[in-house]
């Protein structure tokens, strides 16, 4: 049994304005939540939504619970990146990039719906956060290896040395191509500890891109620069992937103590002794697939790192995408498994970083304040090469049944 937590926004599909013979005249209702740097709902903030070339589409204001909602013509979304600007008295302006070429499916409904139907549906955008305005701000964080949960190292002449990381901050949430604001390099003790610090830049929302030699690939994660640092940001880096590999890593805040990262995907042929489910399910209690693969070299999917005492990281890998289909990544609040309507997961600051082969790395953040103990983070359709981002939480009573969700 499961329950679905719905955001308190009118989700009418605006049928009166829509035809059924194609996307012309169809509307998508976009809605999202904004919170402040202190975790409060960002009420009374001005929200502007523009096209990729900066042309204004619509303006609105957040309600008392930080939600905003606008109806946009589907034709204004096709093939474009949206720019979402958040402004308010006392807060630094926040810019977010919803890139439909990088993250196709961002505004689509479930993959089973044809295009003319998804255009009717409301879509929840990623959560955004605003910082208090100030003359300058700072941010600091810790970057760990997805394979070990420790600061990354590289092999230099047979000796393991701390991996030197170059961290670029670009203005805006999910902003791979916006103006470069600052670059910092971890060296010495900072590299040994995996720590980084930037200061003296304007408060607001930024996107960090991390680069490192020694066989590691690029990583991306969001950064909120504030006048006073409230907590250390945790993120991960990972070693370079082959074109047929996937890797995911989960990190979160001080609570709850135990979040579990799951992946389900197309099973392909069923090995002797395995169940007849069409999809595999790998997680804490079933840490590899196929389940009867005693030799590690025969394991197609593995849990690489488990964490049950807070923060993470917890990571997994799909080593060989032998079967085409949907690979779905979910997070379950194991600490609150018996509370399907709780808010602990929604307030956990959970983030999942995702690498698919050599494609641009992605990140996903849980929406604050929603009820539910199960978050379907994202789904990658390998047939269409599309990533579907999900934002709602649901309530689940049995973590073992996630492959059915």
Protein backbone atom coordinates (compact mmCIF):
# COMPACT_ATOMS: atom_id res chain seq x y z
CA UNK A 1 0.00 0.00 0.00
CA UNK A 2 1.23 3.50 -0.69
CA UNK A 3 -0.06 7.02 -0.28
CA UNK A 4 0.89 10.06 -2.34
CA UNK A 5 1.61 13.46 -0.85
CA UNK A 6 0.37 16.22 -3.14
CA UNK A 7 1.67 19.77 -2.94
CA UNK A 8 -0.96 22.34 -1.91
CA UNK A 9 -1.23 23.83 -5.41
CA UNK A 10 -4.18 23.74 -7.79
CA UNK A 11 -3.22 21.06 -10.31
CA UNK A 12 -6.02 21.61 -12.83
CA UNK A 13 -4.81 20.73 -16.32
CA UNK A 14 -6.58 23.72 -17.87
CA UNK A 15 -8.55 21.48 -20.18
CA UNK A 16 -10.77 24.29 -21.39
CA UNK A 17 -7.75 25.92 -23.03
CA UNK A 18 -6.45 22.76 -24.64
CA UNK A 19 -7.06 20.79 -27.79
CA UNK A 20 -6.34 17.09 -28.18
CA UNK A 21 -4.76 17.00 -31.62
CA UNK A 22 -1.25 18.15 -30.67
CA UNK A 23 0.73 20.48 -28.42
CA UNK A 24 -0.58 23.71 -29.99
CA UNK A 25 -2.48 25.68 -27.34
CA UNK A 26 -1.72 23.19 -24.56
CA UNK A 27 -0.57 24.42 -21.18
CA UNK A 28 1.84 23.00 -18.62
CA UNK A 29 1.32 24.18 -15.07
CA UNK A 30 4.74 24.69 -13.49
CA UNK A 31 5.04 24.89 -9.73
CA UNK A 32 7.86 24.77 -7.22
CA UNK A 33 8.86 25.55 -3.66
CA UNK A 34 11.32 28.15 -2.39
CA UNK A 35 12.90 28.05 1.08
CA UNK A 36 15.27 30.44 2.84
CA UNK A 37 18.80 29.73 4.04
CA UNK A 38 17.34 29.05 7.51
CA UNK A 39 14.95 26.39 6.19
CA UNK A 40 11.82 28.54 6.38
CA UNK A 41 9.28 28.73 3.56
CA UNK A 42 10.06 31.67 1.27
CA UNK A 43 6.74 33.54 1.25
CA UNK A 44 5.99 36.70 -0.72
CA UNK A 45 8.93 36.34 -3.10
CA UNK A 46 8.76 37.47 -6.71
CA UNK A 47 9.25 34.71 -9.30
CA UNK A 48 10.03 35.42 -12.97
CA UNK A 49 10.13 32.66 -15.58
CA UNK A 50 11.94 33.43 -18.83
CA UNK A 51 12.94 31.49 -21.92
CA UNK A 52 16.50 30.45 -22.71
CA UNK A 53 17.14 33.76 -24.49
CA UNK A 54 15.93 35.75 -21.49
CA UNK A 55 12.51 36.68 -22.87
CA UNK A 56 10.04 36.98 -19.99
CA UNK A 57 7.22 34.40 -20.07
CA UNK A 58 5.37 34.94 -16.79
CA UNK A 59 5.69 36.46 -13.33
CA UNK A 60 4.13 35.36 -10.05
CA UNK A 61 4.63 35.44 -6.25
CA UNK A 62 5.22 32.66 -3.73
CA UNK A 63 2.46 31.93 -1.23
CA UNK A 64 2.82 31.59 2.55
CA UNK A 65 4.23 28.09 2.17
CA UNK A 66 6.83 29.07 -0.41
CA UNK A 67 4.98 27.63 -3.43
CA UNK A 68 4.63 29.35 -6.80
CA UNK A 69 2.55 28.22 -9.77
CA UNK A 70 2.22 29.40 -13.37
CA UNK A 71 0.60 28.01 -16.53
CA UNK A 72 2.91 28.07 -19.56
CA UNK A 73 2.16 27.21 -23.18
CA UNK A 74 3.80 23.92 -24.11
CA UNK A 75 5.18 25.52 -27.26
CA UNK A 76 7.18 27.92 -25.08
CA UNK A 77 8.93 24.98 -23.39
CA UNK A 78 9.90 22.79 -26.31
CA UNK A 79 13.64 22.77 -26.89
CA UNK A 80 14.37 25.60 -24.45
CA UNK A 81 16.09 26.12 -21.14
CA UNK A 82 13.98 28.03 -18.66
CA UNK A 83 15.42 30.73 -16.44
CA UNK A 84 13.73 31.10 -13.04
CA UNK A 85 14.59 34.26 -11.09
CA UNK A 86 13.68 34.65 -7.40
CA UNK A 87 13.72 38.14 -5.83
CA UNK A 88 12.60 39.52 -2.49
CA UNK A 89 13.34 42.31 -0.03
CA UNK A 90 16.34 41.38 2.10
CA UNK A 91 17.32 38.40 -0.06
CA UNK A 92 20.01 38.02 -2.68
CA UNK A 93 18.61 37.38 -6.19
CA UNK A 94 18.55 33.68 -7.08
CA UNK A 95 18.78 32.44 -10.66
CA UNK A 96 18.01 28.86 -11.67
CA UNK A 97 18.45 27.15 -15.02
CA UNK A 98 15.99 24.40 -15.94
CA UNK A 99 17.85 23.05 -18.95
CA UNK A 100 15.56 20.92 -21.13
CA UNK A 101 18.46 19.84 -23.34
CA UNK A 102 20.53 18.66 -20.39
CA UNK A 103 17.67 17.25 -18.37
CA UNK A 104 14.99 16.28 -20.87
CA UNK A 105 11.79 15.14 -19.24
CA UNK A 106 12.08 17.81 -16.55
CA UNK A 107 8.59 19.04 -17.40
CA UNK A 108 7.14 15.78 -18.69
CA UNK A 109 4.70 13.50 -16.95
CA UNK A 110 5.23 9.78 -16.61
CA UNK A 111 7.01 8.32 -19.64
CA UNK A 112 3.98 6.22 -20.59
CA UNK A 113 1.97 9.27 -21.60
CA UNK A 114 2.07 10.50 -25.22
CA UNK A 115 3.27 14.08 -25.83
CA UNK A 116 -0.19 15.58 -26.17
CA UNK A 117 -1.09 14.25 -22.73
CA UNK A 118 2.04 15.30 -20.85
CA UNK A 119 1.39 18.85 -22.03
CA UNK A 120 -1.79 18.88 -19.97
CA UNK A 121 -0.12 17.98 -16.72
CA UNK A 122 1.32 20.12 -13.96
CA UNK A 123 5.01 19.58 -13.29
CA UNK A 124 6.88 20.27 -10.09
CA UNK A 125 10.18 22.06 -10.64
CA UNK A 126 13.26 21.44 -8.48
CA UNK A 127 13.33 23.16 -5.08
CA UNK A 128 15.19 26.48 -4.84
CA UNK A 129 16.74 28.30 -1.89
CA UNK A 130 17.44 31.98 -1.26
CA UNK A 131 20.16 33.55 0.89
CA UNK A 132 19.98 36.74 2.90
CA UNK A 133 21.47 39.69 1.08
CA UNK A 134 24.89 40.90 2.26
CA UNK A 135 28.02 42.59 0.96
CA UNK A 136 29.79 39.24 0.63
CA UNK A 137 29.45 35.62 1.63
CA UNK A 138 31.21 32.30 1.83
CA UNK A 139 30.68 28.56 1.53
CA UNK A 140 32.68 25.54 2.55
CA UNK A 141 32.36 21.84 2.01
CA UNK A 142 33.71 18.33 2.09
CA UNK A 143 34.18 16.22 -1.05
CA UNK A 144 34.52 12.45 -0.67
CA UNK A 145 35.17 9.52 -3.01
CA UNK A 146 32.04 7.49 -3.91
CA UNK A 147 34.08 4.29 -3.65
CA UNK A 148 35.54 4.78 -0.16
CA UNK A 149 33.64 7.56 1.59
CA UNK A 150 37.02 9.17 2.26
CA UNK A 151 38.88 12.07 0.62
CA UNK A 152 39.95 11.02 -2.88
CA UNK A 153 43.51 9.93 -3.60
CA UNK A 154 45.44 9.28 -6.80
CA UNK A 155 48.26 6.93 -7.62
CA UNK A 156 51.48 8.79 -8.38
CA UNK A 157 54.40 6.49 -9.11
CA UNK A 158 52.93 3.74 -6.97
CA UNK A 159 52.24 6.10 -4.06
CA UNK A 160 48.78 7.25 -3.00
CA UNK A 161 48.62 11.04 -2.72
CA UNK A 162 45.71 13.36 -1.95
CA UNK A 163 43.76 14.24 -5.10
CA UNK A 164 44.06 17.91 -5.98
CA UNK A 165 40.61 19.22 -6.91
CA UNK A 166 39.73 22.28 -8.95
CA UNK A 167 36.34 23.69 -7.96
CA UNK A 168 34.58 26.21 -10.21
CA UNK A 169 31.55 28.17 -9.01
CA UNK A 170 29.15 29.50 -11.63
CA UNK A 171 26.24 31.78 -10.87
CA UNK A 172 22.82 30.14 -10.66
CA UNK A 173 21.31 26.79 -9.74
CA UNK A 174 22.13 24.03 -12.29
CA UNK A 175 24.16 26.49 -14.38
CA UNK A 176 26.78 24.65 -16.44
CA UNK A 177 27.40 27.47 -18.92
CA UNK A 178 26.83 30.68 -16.96
CA UNK A 179 29.56 33.12 -16.01
CA UNK A 180 32.45 31.67 -14.00
CA UNK A 181 32.59 33.52 -10.67
CA UNK A 182 35.47 31.93 -8.81
CA UNK A 183 37.84 28.96 -8.98
CA UNK A 184 39.53 27.37 -5.98
CA UNK A 185 42.04 24.52 -5.81
CA UNK A 186 42.44 22.15 -2.87
CA UNK A 187 46.09 21.68 -1.94
CA UNK A 188 48.07 20.56 1.08
CA UNK A 189 46.01 19.84 4.19
CA UNK A 190 42.78 20.83 2.43
CA UNK A 191 43.35 18.19 -0.26
CA UNK A 192 44.25 15.64 2.39
CA UNK A 193 40.95 16.28 4.17
CA UNK A 194 38.86 16.82 1.02
CA UNK A 195 37.84 20.29 2.21
CA UNK A 196 37.26 23.47 0.21
CA UNK A 197 36.36 27.06 1.00
CA UNK A 198 35.32 30.09 -1.06
CA UNK A 199 34.76 33.56 0.36
CA UNK A 200 34.38 37.16 -0.68
CA UNK A 201 31.67 36.56 -3.31
CA UNK A 202 28.05 37.71 -3.38
CA UNK A 203 25.50 35.58 -1.49
CA UNK A 204 23.19 33.52 -3.64
CA UNK A 205 22.80 30.25 -5.50
CA UNK A 206 25.73 28.77 -7.43
CA UNK A 207 26.65 25.53 -9.17
CA UNK A 208 29.98 23.89 -8.39
CA UNK A 209 31.85 21.87 -10.99
CA UNK A 210 34.66 19.75 -9.58
CA UNK A 211 37.54 18.49 -11.68
CA UNK A 212 40.40 16.24 -10.68
CA UNK A 213 43.12 14.29 -12.43
CA UNK A 214 44.11 10.80 -11.41
CA UNK A 215 41.30 9.05 -13.30
CA UNK A 216 38.39 11.00 -11.78
CA UNK A 217 35.56 12.50 -13.81
CA UNK A 218 33.81 15.85 -13.32
CA UNK A 219 31.09 16.26 -10.69
CA UNK A 220 28.45 18.95 -10.14
CA UNK A 221 26.47 20.02 -7.09
CA UNK A 222 24.57 23.11 -5.84
CA UNK A 223 26.11 25.64 -3.45
CA UNK A 224 24.30 28.34 -1.46
CA UNK A 225 26.70 31.14 -0.55
CA UNK A 226 25.67 32.93 2.66
CA UNK A 227 26.98 35.74 4.83
CA UNK A 228 27.60 33.16 7.56
CA UNK A 229 28.25 29.51 6.83
CA UNK A 230 25.66 27.38 8.62
CA UNK A 231 26.80 23.89 7.73
CA UNK A 232 29.47 22.15 5.71
CA UNK A 233 28.24 21.02 2.29
CA UNK A 234 28.85 17.36 1.52
CA UNK A 235 29.31 16.11 -2.04
CA UNK A 236 31.19 13.37 -3.88
CA UNK A 237 33.54 12.75 -6.78
CA UNK A 238 33.90 9.50 -8.66
CA UNK A 239 36.33 7.76 -10.96
CA UNK A 240 35.80 7.98 -14.71
CA UNK A 241 33.04 5.78 -16.12
CA UNK A 242 32.87 3.76 -19.31
CA UNK A 243 30.09 4.65 -21.75
CA UNK A 244 27.95 1.72 -20.51
CA UNK A 245 28.28 2.48 -16.78
CA UNK A 246 26.07 4.40 -14.33
CA UNK A 247 26.96 5.62 -10.85
CA UNK A 248 24.82 7.31 -8.20
CA UNK A 249 25.70 8.74 -4.79
CA UNK A 250 23.45 9.90 -1.96
CA UNK A 251 24.35 12.44 0.74
CA UNK A 252 22.12 14.17 3.28
CA UNK A 253 22.07 16.30 6.44
CA UNK A 254 22.33 15.54 10.14
CA UNK A 255 19.07 13.58 10.23
CA UNK A 256 17.50 11.13 9.78
CA UNK A 257 20.26 8.68 10.61
CA UNK A 258 19.64 6.16 7.85
CA UNK A 259 18.56 6.85 4.28
CA UNK A 260 18.86 4.02 1.75
CA UNK A 261 19.72 4.43 -1.93
CA UNK A 262 18.01 2.00 -4.33
CA UNK A 263 18.22 1.23 -8.04
CA UNK A 264 15.86 -0.90 -10.10
CA UNK A 265 16.31 -1.73 -13.75
CA UNK A 266 15.68 -4.16 -16.59
CA UNK A 267 16.71 -7.62 -15.53
CA UNK A 268 17.11 -9.17 -18.95
CA UNK A 269 17.37 -12.94 -18.70
CA UNK A 270 16.52 -14.47 -15.33
CA UNK A 271 19.26 -16.56 -13.76
CA UNK A 272 18.47 -19.90 -12.05
CA UNK A 273 17.28 -19.41 -8.50
CA UNK A 274 16.20 -15.78 -9.01
CA UNK A 275 12.63 -14.56 -8.80
CA UNK A 276 10.61 -13.92 -11.91
CA UNK A 277 10.39 -10.14 -11.45
CA UNK A 278 11.16 -8.39 -14.69
CA UNK A 279 13.32 -5.79 -12.90
CA UNK A 280 16.33 -6.17 -10.65
CA UNK A 281 16.40 -4.35 -7.30
CA UNK A 282 19.73 -3.53 -5.63
CA UNK A 283 20.00 -1.88 -2.22
CA UNK A 284 21.31 -2.39 1.32
CA UNK A 285 19.75 -5.85 1.80
CA UNK A 286 20.36 -7.02 -1.79
CA UNK A 287 23.74 -5.43 -2.53
CA UNK A 288 24.40 -6.86 -5.99
CA UNK A 289 22.83 -8.29 -9.12
CA UNK A 290 22.68 -11.06 -10.24
CA UNK A 291 21.96 -12.31 -6.74
CA UNK A 292 23.79 -15.59 -7.35
CA UNK A 293 26.98 -13.96 -8.68
CA UNK A 294 29.56 -15.16 -6.15
CA UNK A 295 32.41 -13.77 -8.25
CA UNK A 296 32.57 -9.97 -8.01
CA UNK A 297 33.52 -9.79 -11.70
CA UNK A 298 30.14 -11.33 -12.62
CA UNK A 299 28.13 -8.67 -10.77
CA UNK A 300 26.43 -6.27 -13.13
CA UNK A 301 25.08 -3.92 -10.41
CA UNK A 302 26.65 -3.34 -6.99
CA UNK A 303 26.25 -1.27 -3.87
CA UNK A 304 29.67 0.32 -3.54
CA UNK A 305 29.30 2.06 -0.20
CA UNK A 306 26.71 1.80 2.58
CA UNK A 307 26.01 4.41 5.27
CA UNK A 308 23.64 3.96 8.19
CA UNK A 309 24.73 6.63 10.65
CA UNK A 310 23.87 9.87 8.87
CA UNK A 311 25.28 12.17 6.18
CA UNK A 312 26.50 9.50 3.74
CA UNK A 313 27.75 9.03 1.16
CA UNK A 314 25.97 5.90 0.02
CA UNK A 315 26.76 4.85 -3.56
CA UNK A 316 26.02 2.24 -6.20
CA UNK A 317 27.15 1.35 -9.72
CA UNK A 318 25.66 -0.25 -12.81
CA UNK A 319 28.79 -1.70 -14.39
CA UNK A 320 27.26 -2.92 -17.61
CA UNK A 321 23.95 -1.76 -19.07
CA UNK A 322 23.28 -5.10 -20.75
CA UNK A 323 19.54 -4.57 -21.00
CA UNK A 324 17.81 -1.53 -22.46
CA UNK A 325 14.99 0.08 -20.51
CA UNK A 326 14.32 2.27 -17.48
CA UNK A 327 16.86 2.53 -14.66
CA UNK A 328 15.11 4.09 -11.66
CA UNK A 329 16.83 5.59 -8.61
CA UNK A 330 14.97 6.01 -5.32
CA UNK A 331 15.72 7.00 -1.73
CA UNK A 332 13.92 5.46 1.25
CA UNK A 333 13.87 6.84 4.80
CA UNK A 334 14.83 3.65 6.63
CA UNK A 335 14.91 5.45 9.99
CA UNK A 336 11.20 6.24 9.55
CA UNK A 337 10.09 3.15 7.68
CA UNK A 338 6.97 2.89 9.85
CA UNK A 339 5.92 6.51 9.22
CA UNK A 340 4.83 6.80 5.56
CA UNK A 341 3.38 10.29 6.13
CA UNK A 342 6.35 11.74 8.02
CA UNK A 343 8.35 14.79 6.92
CA UNK A 344 11.84 13.65 7.95
CA UNK A 345 12.89 12.77 4.39
CA UNK A 346 11.58 16.08 3.07
CA UNK A 347 13.69 18.00 5.58
CA UNK A 348 16.79 15.79 5.23
CA UNK A 349 18.61 17.97 2.65
CA UNK A 350 19.09 14.77 0.64
CA UNK A 351 20.92 15.09 -2.67
CA UNK A 352 21.67 12.45 -5.27
CA UNK A 353 24.49 12.89 -7.77
CA UNK A 354 24.16 10.87 -10.97
CA UNK A 355 26.71 9.97 -13.63
CA UNK A 356 25.62 8.19 -16.82
CA UNK A 357 28.58 7.13 -18.92
CA UNK A 358 30.42 10.18 -20.21
CA UNK A 359 27.34 12.45 -20.20
CA UNK A 360 27.06 15.66 -18.24
CA UNK A 361 26.83 14.82 -14.49
CA UNK A 362 23.53 15.65 -12.80
CA UNK A 363 22.26 16.28 -9.29
CA UNK A 364 18.82 16.05 -7.68
CA UNK A 365 17.58 17.55 -4.41
CA UNK A 366 14.61 16.54 -2.26
CA UNK A 367 11.81 19.12 -1.95
CA UNK A 368 11.64 20.46 1.63
CA UNK A 369 8.48 20.08 3.68
CA UNK A 370 6.78 17.28 1.72
CA UNK A 371 5.31 14.23 3.47
CA UNK A 372 6.43 10.70 2.64
CA UNK A 373 9.26 8.25 3.29
CA UNK A 374 10.03 7.33 -0.34
CA UNK A 375 11.51 9.67 -2.95
CA UNK A 376 11.66 8.53 -6.56
CA UNK A 377 14.64 10.64 -7.56
CA UNK A 378 15.07 10.05 -11.28
CA UNK A 379 14.66 7.56 -14.07
CA UNK A 380 16.93 7.15 -17.06
CA UNK A 381 15.31 5.68 -20.17
CA UNK A 382 18.24 4.14 -22.00
CA UNK A 383 16.16 3.57 -25.15
CA UNK A 384 15.33 7.26 -25.57
CA UNK A 385 18.40 8.55 -23.66
CA UNK A 386 16.15 10.76 -21.53
CA UNK A 387 16.37 11.46 -17.81
CA UNK A 388 13.04 11.96 -16.04
CA UNK A 389 13.25 13.97 -12.83
CA UNK A 390 10.68 13.36 -10.10
CA UNK A 391 9.94 15.67 -7.18
CA UNK A 392 7.01 14.24 -5.20
CA UNK A 393 7.37 11.99 -2.17
CA UNK A 394 5.09 9.06 -1.44
CA UNK A 395 4.41 6.92 1.59
CA UNK A 396 5.58 3.29 1.41
CA UNK A 397 5.00 0.58 3.99
CA UNK A 398 7.53 -1.98 2.73
CA UNK A 399 10.99 -1.03 1.45
CA UNK A 400 11.32 -4.44 -0.19
CA UNK A 401 8.60 -3.55 -2.69
CA UNK A 402 10.29 -0.50 -4.18
CA UNK A 403 10.71 -2.32 -7.50
CA UNK A 404 6.90 -2.25 -7.77
CA UNK A 405 6.75 1.54 -7.48
